[in-house]
Amino acid sequence: QMQLVESGGGLVQAGGSLRLSCAASGRTFSGYPVAWFRQAPGQEREFVAAITWNGVSTNYAHSVTGRFAISRDNTKNTVYLQMNSLKPEDTAVYYCATRWNLYSAATSYGRDYDYWGQGTQVTVSS
């Protein structure tokens, strides 16, 4: 059974940075796409960023393009989300997710992902 654990969240002032980590156990990340999603209180979960199984391609939500960067280190079985120039509207619980099928696409749809972490809180103060 695969488990994902997010870490690195916290409280930061607007304009600051945080790096989130998503560590996998029970199965390697290698060969599988990984995505980050977030959910603010009272709002729908939304896509943030995704990275392909080989790390060659990434895609981002328009709201974070140019500020966030997703990367992966398969040797450490970990995916990262570097978040810069944070804004109060980035406040949310951030979740990482991966898919069951080997070499599947890194989509922006939550319904495509089979394994989810418990989330890590990111709070950006103004």
Foldseek 3Di string as FASTA:
>chain_A
DKAKAKDFADEEAAQAKIKMKIAMPPDFLAQWKKFKWWDAPPGDIFGAKIAFNVRPDMDGDPVQPPFWDWGDDRVRSMIMIIGGRDDQVVWTWMKMFIDDDGRDDTDGDPVRTDYMHPTDTHGYHD
